[in-house]
Structure formats: C-alpha cells, structure tokens
N, C-alpha and C. Protein backbone atom coordinates (compact mmCIF):
# COMPACT_ATOMS: atom_id res chain seq x y z
N MET A 1 24.30 12.74 20.62
CA MET A 1 23.46 12.22 19.56
C MET A 1 22.70 13.38 18.92
N SER A 2 22.61 13.37 17.63
CA SER A 2 21.88 14.39 16.91
C SER A 2 20.40 14.35 17.27
N GLU A 3 19.75 15.49 17.31
CA GLU A 3 18.32 15.56 17.61
C GLU A 3 17.51 14.81 16.56
N LYS A 4 17.97 14.83 15.32
CA LYS A 4 17.25 14.13 14.25
C LYS A 4 17.26 12.63 14.44
N LEU A 5 18.27 12.11 15.14
CA LEU A 5 18.39 10.66 15.31
C LEU A 5 17.78 10.16 16.63
N ARG A 6 17.23 11.05 17.42
CA ARG A 6 16.57 10.61 18.64
C ARG A 6 15.37 9.76 18.27
N PRO A 7 15.06 8.75 19.07
CA PRO A 7 13.93 7.87 18.73
C PRO A 7 12.61 8.64 18.61
N ASN A 8 12.02 8.53 17.48
CA ASN A 8 10.66 8.96 17.20
C ASN A 8 10.15 8.04 16.09
N PHE A 9 8.89 8.09 15.77
CA PHE A 9 8.42 7.10 14.82
C PHE A 9 7.18 7.55 14.08
N THR A 10 6.93 6.87 12.96
CA THR A 10 5.70 6.96 12.21
C THR A 10 5.12 5.55 12.20
N PRO A 11 3.93 5.37 12.76
CA PRO A 11 3.34 4.03 12.76
C PRO A 11 3.02 3.59 11.33
N VAL A 12 3.41 2.38 11.00
CA VAL A 12 3.11 1.80 9.70
C VAL A 12 2.41 0.47 9.96
N PRO A 13 1.25 0.24 9.34
CA PRO A 13 0.56 -1.04 9.54
C PRO A 13 1.48 -2.22 9.19
N ASN A 14 1.49 -3.23 10.05
CA ASN A 14 2.38 -4.38 9.85
C ASN A 14 2.16 -5.07 8.51
N VAL A 15 0.92 -5.14 8.04
CA VAL A 15 0.65 -5.83 6.78
C VAL A 15 1.39 -5.17 5.62
N ILE A 16 1.63 -3.86 5.72
CA ILE A 16 2.39 -3.19 4.66
C ILE A 16 3.82 -3.72 4.62
N LEU A 17 4.43 -3.85 5.77
CA LEU A 17 5.82 -4.32 5.82
C LEU A 17 5.93 -5.83 5.66
N ASP A 18 4.94 -6.57 6.17
CA ASP A 18 5.02 -8.04 6.14
C ASP A 18 4.59 -8.64 4.81
N GLU A 19 3.59 -8.06 4.17
CA GLU A 19 3.01 -8.69 2.99
C GLU A 19 3.08 -7.83 1.72
N ILE A 20 2.72 -6.58 1.84
CA ILE A 20 2.53 -5.74 0.67
C ILE A 20 3.84 -5.24 0.09
N MET A 21 4.80 -4.93 0.94
CA MET A 21 6.05 -4.33 0.51
C MET A 21 6.74 -5.13 -0.59
N ARG A 22 6.70 -6.45 -0.50
CA ARG A 22 7.44 -7.25 -1.48
C ARG A 22 6.85 -7.17 -2.89
N GLY A 23 5.60 -6.70 -3.00
CA GLY A 23 4.98 -6.58 -4.32
C GLY A 23 5.05 -5.18 -4.90
N LEU A 24 5.67 -4.26 -4.19
CA LEU A 24 5.75 -2.88 -4.66
C LEU A 24 7.11 -2.57 -5.26
N ASN A 25 7.11 -1.72 -6.27
CA ASN A 25 8.40 -1.26 -6.77
C ASN A 25 8.87 -0.10 -5.90
N GLU A 26 10.05 0.42 -6.15
CA GLU A 26 10.65 1.43 -5.30
C GLU A 26 9.80 2.70 -5.19
N GLY A 27 9.30 3.18 -6.32
CA GLY A 27 8.50 4.39 -6.31
C GLY A 27 7.18 4.23 -5.57
N GLU A 28 6.54 3.07 -5.76
CA GLU A 28 5.28 2.81 -5.07
C GLU A 28 5.49 2.72 -3.56
N PHE A 29 6.56 2.04 -3.15
CA PHE A 29 6.83 1.90 -1.72
C PHE A 29 7.16 3.26 -1.10
N LYS A 30 8.00 4.04 -1.77
CA LYS A 30 8.33 5.36 -1.24
C LYS A 30 7.08 6.23 -1.11
N THR A 31 6.21 6.17 -2.11
CA THR A 31 4.99 6.96 -2.08
C THR A 31 4.08 6.52 -0.94
N LEU A 32 3.95 5.22 -0.77
CA LEU A 32 3.12 4.69 0.32
C LEU A 32 3.68 5.10 1.68
N MET A 33 5.01 5.02 1.84
CA MET A 33 5.62 5.44 3.11
C MET A 33 5.45 6.95 3.34
N ALA A 34 5.51 7.74 2.27
CA ALA A 34 5.31 9.18 2.41
C ALA A 34 3.89 9.49 2.87
N ILE A 35 2.92 8.75 2.32
CA ILE A 35 1.53 8.95 2.75
C ILE A 35 1.38 8.54 4.22
N CYS A 36 2.03 7.45 4.62
CA CYS A 36 2.01 7.06 6.04
C CYS A 36 2.62 8.17 6.90
N ARG A 37 3.70 8.74 6.43
CA ARG A 37 4.37 9.79 7.20
C ARG A 37 3.49 11.03 7.37
N TYR A 38 2.87 11.47 6.27
CA TYR A 38 2.03 12.68 6.33
C TYR A 38 0.74 12.44 7.11
N THR A 39 0.28 11.19 7.18
CA THR A 39 -0.97 10.92 7.90
C THR A 39 -0.66 10.40 9.30
N TYR A 40 -0.30 9.14 9.41
CA TYR A 40 -0.07 8.52 10.72
C TYR A 40 1.06 9.21 11.49
N GLY A 41 2.06 9.70 10.79
CA GLY A 41 3.19 10.36 11.44
C GLY A 41 2.79 11.64 12.17
N TRP A 42 1.70 12.22 11.77
CA TRP A 42 1.19 13.43 12.42
C TRP A 42 -0.11 13.15 13.18
N GLY A 43 -0.41 11.86 13.39
CA GLY A 43 -1.59 11.49 14.16
C GLY A 43 -2.91 11.76 13.46
N LYS A 44 -2.89 11.70 12.11
CA LYS A 44 -4.11 11.96 11.34
C LYS A 44 -4.50 10.72 10.55
N LYS A 45 -5.78 10.59 10.23
CA LYS A 45 -6.24 9.49 9.39
C LYS A 45 -6.03 9.80 7.91
N SER A 46 -6.09 11.09 7.56
CA SER A 46 -5.90 11.49 6.17
C SER A 46 -5.25 12.87 6.14
N ASP A 47 -4.74 13.23 4.96
CA ASP A 47 -4.12 14.54 4.82
C ASP A 47 -4.15 14.96 3.36
N ARG A 48 -4.23 16.26 3.14
CA ARG A 48 -4.12 16.80 1.79
C ARG A 48 -2.64 16.93 1.46
N ILE A 49 -2.23 16.25 0.39
CA ILE A 49 -0.82 16.21 0.02
C ILE A 49 -0.72 16.49 -1.48
N SER A 50 0.09 17.43 -1.86
CA SER A 50 0.26 17.73 -3.28
C SER A 50 1.26 16.74 -3.89
N LEU A 51 1.18 16.61 -5.21
CA LEU A 51 2.14 15.75 -5.91
C LEU A 51 3.56 16.29 -5.73
N SER A 52 3.70 17.61 -5.65
CA SER A 52 5.02 18.21 -5.44
C SER A 52 5.59 17.82 -4.09
N GLN A 53 4.74 17.81 -3.06
CA GLN A 53 5.19 17.39 -1.73
C GLN A 53 5.63 15.93 -1.75
N LEU A 54 4.84 15.08 -2.40
CA LEU A 54 5.19 13.66 -2.48
C LEU A 54 6.48 13.47 -3.27
N ALA A 55 6.64 14.21 -4.35
CA ALA A 55 7.88 14.11 -5.14
C ALA A 55 9.08 14.53 -4.31
N GLU A 56 8.92 15.57 -3.51
CA GLU A 56 10.04 16.06 -2.69
C GLU A 56 10.42 15.06 -1.60
N ILE A 57 9.44 14.55 -0.86
CA ILE A 57 9.76 13.66 0.26
C ILE A 57 10.28 12.30 -0.23
N THR A 58 9.81 11.84 -1.39
CA THR A 58 10.23 10.53 -1.89
C THR A 58 11.52 10.59 -2.70
N GLY A 59 11.86 11.77 -3.18
CA GLY A 59 13.03 11.88 -4.04
C GLY A 59 12.75 11.47 -5.47
N ILE A 60 11.49 11.25 -5.80
CA ILE A 60 11.10 10.93 -7.17
C ILE A 60 11.15 12.23 -7.96
N SER A 61 11.86 12.23 -9.08
CA SER A 61 12.20 13.48 -9.76
C SER A 61 11.03 14.16 -10.46
N ASP A 62 10.01 13.43 -10.84
CA ASP A 62 8.97 14.01 -11.67
C ASP A 62 7.59 13.73 -11.05
N ARG A 63 6.72 14.74 -11.04
CA ARG A 63 5.37 14.55 -10.49
C ARG A 63 4.59 13.50 -11.25
N SER A 64 4.85 13.34 -12.54
CA SER A 64 4.13 12.33 -13.32
C SER A 64 4.49 10.92 -12.84
N ASN A 65 5.73 10.73 -12.40
CA ASN A 65 6.12 9.43 -11.85
C ASN A 65 5.45 9.18 -10.50
N VAL A 66 5.27 10.23 -9.70
CA VAL A 66 4.55 10.11 -8.44
C VAL A 66 3.10 9.74 -8.73
N HIS A 67 2.50 10.41 -9.72
CA HIS A 67 1.12 10.12 -10.09
C HIS A 67 0.97 8.67 -10.55
N ARG A 68 1.93 8.19 -11.32
CA ARG A 68 1.91 6.80 -11.79
C ARG A 68 1.99 5.84 -10.59
N ALA A 69 2.85 6.14 -9.62
CA ALA A 69 2.97 5.29 -8.43
C ALA A 69 1.66 5.27 -7.64
N ILE A 70 1.02 6.42 -7.53
CA ILE A 70 -0.26 6.50 -6.82
C ILE A 70 -1.31 5.66 -7.52
N LYS A 71 -1.36 5.74 -8.84
CA LYS A 71 -2.33 4.93 -9.59
C LYS A 71 -2.08 3.44 -9.40
N ARG A 72 -0.82 3.03 -9.36
CA ARG A 72 -0.49 1.62 -9.21
C ARG A 72 -0.76 1.10 -7.80
N LEU A 73 -0.79 2.00 -6.81
CA LEU A 73 -1.12 1.58 -5.45
C LEU A 73 -2.58 1.16 -5.35
N GLY A 74 -3.39 1.61 -6.26
CA GLY A 74 -4.77 1.16 -6.38
C GLY A 74 -5.57 1.26 -5.09
N SER A 75 -6.12 0.13 -4.66
CA SER A 75 -7.02 0.12 -3.51
C SER A 75 -6.29 0.19 -2.17
N LEU A 76 -4.98 0.26 -2.17
CA LEU A 76 -4.24 0.43 -0.91
C LEU A 76 -4.49 1.79 -0.28
N ILE A 77 -4.79 2.77 -1.12
CA ILE A 77 -5.02 4.12 -0.61
C ILE A 77 -6.37 4.61 -1.11
N VAL A 78 -6.97 5.51 -0.33
CA VAL A 78 -8.22 6.15 -0.73
C VAL A 78 -7.88 7.60 -1.02
N ILE A 79 -8.33 8.06 -2.19
CA ILE A 79 -8.02 9.42 -2.62
C ILE A 79 -9.31 10.21 -2.77
N THR A 80 -9.36 11.35 -2.13
CA THR A 80 -10.44 12.31 -2.34
C THR A 80 -9.83 13.45 -3.14
N ARG A 81 -10.28 13.57 -4.37
CA ARG A 81 -9.69 14.55 -5.28
C ARG A 81 -9.86 15.97 -4.76
N GLY A 82 -8.81 16.75 -4.92
CA GLY A 82 -8.85 18.15 -4.54
C GLY A 82 -9.53 18.99 -5.61
N ASP A 83 -9.73 20.24 -5.32
CA ASP A 83 -10.36 21.16 -6.26
C ASP A 83 -9.29 22.10 -6.82
N PRO A 84 -8.89 21.89 -8.09
CA PRO A 84 -7.84 22.73 -8.67
C PRO A 84 -8.22 24.21 -8.71
N SER A 85 -9.53 24.52 -8.86
CA SER A 85 -9.94 25.92 -8.93
C SER A 85 -9.71 26.64 -7.59
N LYS A 86 -9.71 25.87 -6.50
CA LYS A 86 -9.44 26.44 -5.17
C LYS A 86 -8.02 26.15 -4.71
N ASN A 87 -7.23 25.56 -5.61
CA ASN A 87 -5.83 25.21 -5.32
C ASN A 87 -5.72 24.26 -4.12
N LEU A 88 -6.66 23.28 -4.05
CA LEU A 88 -6.65 22.28 -2.98
C LEU A 88 -6.03 20.99 -3.50
N ALA A 89 -5.07 20.46 -2.76
CA ALA A 89 -4.45 19.18 -3.11
C ALA A 89 -5.42 18.05 -2.81
N SER A 90 -5.17 16.89 -3.38
CA SER A 90 -5.98 15.71 -3.09
C SER A 90 -5.71 15.25 -1.66
N GLU A 91 -6.70 14.59 -1.09
CA GLU A 91 -6.57 14.06 0.27
C GLU A 91 -6.34 12.55 0.17
N TYR A 92 -5.35 12.07 0.90
CA TYR A 92 -4.96 10.66 0.86
C TYR A 92 -5.13 10.03 2.23
N ARG A 93 -5.51 8.75 2.23
CA ARG A 93 -5.51 7.96 3.45
C ARG A 93 -5.24 6.51 3.08
N ILE A 94 -4.66 5.78 4.03
CA ILE A 94 -4.42 4.35 3.84
C ILE A 94 -5.76 3.64 4.00
N ASN A 95 -6.05 2.71 3.13
CA ASN A 95 -7.31 1.97 3.18
C ASN A 95 -7.20 0.87 4.23
N VAL A 96 -7.62 1.15 5.45
CA VAL A 96 -7.49 0.19 6.54
C VAL A 96 -8.58 -0.87 6.53
N ASP A 97 -9.63 -0.68 5.76
CA ASP A 97 -10.74 -1.62 5.74
C ASP A 97 -10.57 -2.73 4.72
N ILE A 98 -9.54 -2.67 3.92
CA ILE A 98 -9.40 -3.59 2.80
C ILE A 98 -9.18 -5.04 3.23
N ALA A 99 -8.46 -5.28 4.30
CA ALA A 99 -8.13 -6.65 4.69
C ALA A 99 -9.36 -7.45 5.08
N ASP A 100 -10.37 -6.82 5.66
CA ASP A 100 -11.57 -7.54 6.06
C ASP A 100 -12.30 -8.15 4.87
N ASP A 101 -12.25 -7.50 3.73
CA ASP A 101 -12.95 -7.99 2.54
C ASP A 101 -12.23 -9.16 1.88
N LEU A 102 -10.97 -9.38 2.21
CA LEU A 102 -10.16 -10.37 1.51
C LEU A 102 -10.32 -11.79 2.04
N LEU A 103 -10.73 -11.94 3.28
CA LEU A 103 -10.67 -13.24 3.91
C LEU A 103 -11.96 -14.04 3.79
N SER A 104 -11.84 -15.30 3.38
CA SER A 104 -12.99 -16.20 3.40
C SER A 104 -13.20 -16.69 4.83
N GLN A 105 -14.30 -17.40 5.07
CA GLN A 105 -14.57 -17.90 6.42
C GLN A 105 -13.46 -18.87 6.86
N LYS A 106 -12.97 -19.72 5.97
CA LYS A 106 -11.90 -20.66 6.31
C LYS A 106 -10.64 -19.91 6.74
N GLN A 107 -10.31 -18.84 6.02
CA GLN A 107 -9.13 -18.06 6.36
C GLN A 107 -9.34 -17.29 7.66
N GLN A 108 -10.56 -16.83 7.92
CA GLN A 108 -10.84 -16.16 9.19
C GLN A 108 -10.69 -17.14 10.35
N ASP A 109 -11.07 -18.42 10.12
CA ASP A 109 -10.90 -19.44 11.16
C ASP A 109 -9.42 -19.63 11.49
N LEU A 110 -8.56 -19.54 10.47
CA LEU A 110 -7.12 -19.67 10.71
C LEU A 110 -6.60 -18.54 11.60
N LEU A 111 -7.27 -17.41 11.55
CA LEU A 111 -6.84 -16.25 12.33
C LEU A 111 -7.37 -16.26 13.76
N SER A 112 -8.24 -17.21 14.07
CA SER A 112 -8.84 -17.22 15.41
C SER A 112 -7.77 -17.44 16.47
N PRO A 113 -8.00 -16.93 17.71
CA PRO A 113 -6.98 -16.99 18.76
C PRO A 113 -6.52 -18.40 19.12
N GLY A 114 -7.37 -19.41 18.95
CA GLY A 114 -7.00 -20.77 19.33
C GLY A 114 -6.05 -21.44 18.35
N THR A 115 -5.81 -20.86 17.21
CA THR A 115 -4.98 -21.46 16.17
C THR A 115 -3.51 -21.13 16.44
N THR A 116 -2.73 -22.18 16.79
CA THR A 116 -1.32 -21.91 17.10
C THR A 116 -0.35 -22.86 16.41
N SER A 117 -0.85 -23.89 15.76
CA SER A 117 0.10 -24.84 15.17
C SER A 117 0.91 -24.18 14.06
N LYS A 118 2.13 -24.68 13.87
CA LYS A 118 3.01 -24.11 12.85
C LYS A 118 2.41 -24.27 11.46
N GLU A 119 1.75 -25.39 11.21
CA GLU A 119 1.14 -25.63 9.91
C GLU A 119 0.04 -24.61 9.63
N ASN A 120 -0.79 -24.34 10.63
CA ASN A 120 -1.86 -23.35 10.45
C ASN A 120 -1.28 -21.94 10.29
N GLN A 121 -0.21 -21.65 11.00
CA GLN A 121 0.42 -20.33 10.85
C GLN A 121 0.99 -20.17 9.44
N ARG A 122 1.59 -21.25 8.91
CA ARG A 122 2.12 -21.20 7.54
C ARG A 122 0.97 -21.00 6.55
N LYS A 123 -0.14 -21.74 6.73
CA LYS A 123 -1.29 -21.60 5.84
C LYS A 123 -1.85 -20.18 5.90
N LYS A 124 -1.88 -19.63 7.10
CA LYS A 124 -2.39 -18.27 7.27
C LYS A 124 -1.53 -17.28 6.50
N ARG A 125 -0.19 -17.42 6.64
CA ARG A 125 0.71 -16.51 5.94
C ARG A 125 0.54 -16.63 4.43
N GLU A 126 0.44 -17.87 3.92
CA GLU A 126 0.28 -18.07 2.48
C GLU A 126 -1.02 -17.48 1.98
N ALA A 127 -2.11 -17.73 2.72
CA ALA A 127 -3.41 -17.22 2.31
C ALA A 127 -3.42 -15.71 2.29
N LEU A 128 -2.89 -15.10 3.32
CA LEU A 128 -2.86 -13.65 3.38
C LEU A 128 -1.95 -13.06 2.32
N SER A 129 -0.79 -13.70 2.07
CA SER A 129 0.13 -13.20 1.05
C SER A 129 -0.52 -13.19 -0.31
N TYR A 130 -1.13 -14.33 -0.67
CA TYR A 130 -1.75 -14.43 -1.99
C TYR A 130 -2.91 -13.47 -2.12
N LEU A 131 -3.81 -13.47 -1.13
CA LEU A 131 -4.97 -12.61 -1.19
C LEU A 131 -4.59 -11.14 -1.19
N THR A 132 -3.66 -10.79 -0.35
CA THR A 132 -3.25 -9.39 -0.26
C THR A 132 -2.67 -8.92 -1.59
N LEU A 133 -1.72 -9.67 -2.11
CA LEU A 133 -1.06 -9.25 -3.34
C LEU A 133 -1.99 -9.30 -4.54
N SER A 134 -2.85 -10.33 -4.63
CA SER A 134 -3.74 -10.41 -5.78
C SER A 134 -4.80 -9.32 -5.75
N LYS A 135 -5.21 -8.90 -4.56
CA LYS A 135 -6.19 -7.80 -4.44
C LYS A 135 -5.55 -6.48 -4.86
N TYR A 136 -4.33 -6.23 -4.44
CA TYR A 136 -3.69 -4.95 -4.72
C TYR A 136 -3.08 -4.90 -6.10
N PHE A 137 -2.72 -6.05 -6.65
CA PHE A 137 -2.07 -6.09 -7.95
C PHE A 137 -2.82 -7.03 -8.87
N PRO A 138 -3.96 -6.58 -9.40
CA PRO A 138 -4.71 -7.45 -10.30
C PRO A 138 -3.93 -7.68 -11.58
N THR A 139 -4.26 -8.76 -12.28
CA THR A 139 -3.58 -9.02 -13.54
C THR A 139 -4.01 -7.97 -14.55
N ARG A 140 -3.11 -7.62 -15.44
CA ARG A 140 -3.37 -6.61 -16.45
C ARG A 140 -3.00 -7.14 -17.81
N ARG A 141 -3.66 -6.62 -18.81
CA ARG A 141 -3.34 -7.01 -20.18
C ARG A 141 -2.36 -6.02 -20.78
N LYS A 142 -1.41 -6.56 -21.55
CA LYS A 142 -0.49 -5.69 -22.28
C LYS A 142 -1.23 -5.09 -23.46
N LYS A 143 -0.87 -3.88 -23.83
CA LYS A 143 -1.49 -3.25 -24.98
C LYS A 143 -1.17 -4.04 -26.24
N ASN A 144 -2.14 -4.11 -27.13
CA ASN A 144 -1.99 -4.74 -28.45
C ASN A 144 -1.65 -6.22 -28.40
N THR A 145 -1.92 -6.89 -27.28
CA THR A 145 -1.71 -8.33 -27.22
C THR A 145 -2.94 -8.97 -26.58
N PRO A 146 -4.04 -9.11 -27.34
CA PRO A 146 -5.26 -9.67 -26.77
C PRO A 146 -5.04 -11.09 -26.26
N GLY A 147 -5.61 -11.37 -25.12
CA GLY A 147 -5.52 -12.71 -24.55
C GLY A 147 -4.30 -12.96 -23.69
N ARG A 148 -3.27 -12.14 -23.83
CA ARG A 148 -2.07 -12.34 -23.02
C ARG A 148 -2.20 -11.56 -21.72
N ARG A 149 -1.95 -12.21 -20.59
CA ARG A 149 -2.10 -11.56 -19.30
C ARG A 149 -0.75 -11.41 -18.64
N LEU A 150 -0.56 -10.27 -18.00
CA LEU A 150 0.65 -10.00 -17.24
C LEU A 150 0.29 -9.99 -15.76
N THR A 151 1.06 -10.65 -14.94
CA THR A 151 0.84 -10.57 -13.50
C THR A 151 1.79 -9.55 -12.94
N ILE A 152 1.25 -8.53 -12.29
CA ILE A 152 2.04 -7.44 -11.75
C ILE A 152 2.20 -7.66 -10.26
N GLY A 153 3.43 -7.66 -9.76
CA GLY A 153 3.67 -7.67 -8.33
C GLY A 153 3.69 -9.04 -7.67
N LEU A 154 3.40 -10.09 -8.39
CA LEU A 154 3.42 -11.42 -7.79
C LEU A 154 4.65 -12.17 -8.25
N ASN A 155 5.41 -12.68 -7.31
CA ASN A 155 6.58 -13.48 -7.66
C ASN A 155 6.14 -14.91 -7.85
N ARG A 156 6.48 -15.49 -8.93
CA ARG A 156 6.14 -16.89 -9.22
C ARG A 156 7.43 -17.70 -9.21
N SER A 157 7.74 -18.29 -8.07
CA SER A 157 8.97 -19.08 -8.02
C SER A 157 8.69 -20.46 -7.50
C-alpha cells in the first residue's frame, strides 16, 4: 500500500458534512475543506493561509475566485486580516461558536439527551438544517431589481 494511502485524517465538524455541505457550491466547499486541512489537520485552531496556498490546494485557478468563495462562506469562518506591509497572510479559523446562537429554547429541548423519538429526531434535523443554512446563506438582492429577493444555498423542493 502506498504511504499516501495509509489511514490518516483531518477532523471535520459533522455539521459541515451533515448540514452545511449541501448549501455550498464546489469552490466554497473546497475552500472550507482546505481551511479545515490547514487548521484541524495540523492540530491548530487557526492558521495563516495565503490566497495562493488556498488556490493551489483547492485547484481553483484564480485567487479572485478563492476570495469570492471565502466571502460567500460568511460567518462559517473567522478571518483575521494579515498585514500586507509585513507580507503576512490572513489568519483563518472555523467558527465553532456559531451553532449555539442559532437554536431557540424549543430547539435546544429537542437536543436534550432524553429525546429519542423518531418524530423529534426528524424535527431536530429540520430545525437545524433550516437554521444552519439560513444563517450561513442569508437572502440577497439582485442588482438593479429592487424588491426582488434571491435565496442563496437553500433548496426549495
């Protein structure tokens, strides 16, 4: 077996794979996974990562597209801007505190250890899916179309 294929891992928070991933486009997901790799993959909470490094690891051809993906990730990541005069890259970390702000008391009750019914589990998943996606992907207005709202990242089926 190749050394590269030996089991090793980068921890990724389950909520990213269970809830958030479905609302991300390819570039956003690749960028988020790259940030997980540079931080959690090396046992760090945050890391200074240049746009060039992110472009290289994600395979995204242009740094401006990486920058756009980072902007669209919004509150999923916390960015501490680097100092260009000192040639310091920005520091990135996954926002692990965001989920606590999303839940109402009723939804927190659904998460309590005593809750095991299938109906409550379904309600919990729905509540978390909607809250998670609506927090990370707020509605946006299209340019030059006042009053018209676009929902980004939410599937309406």
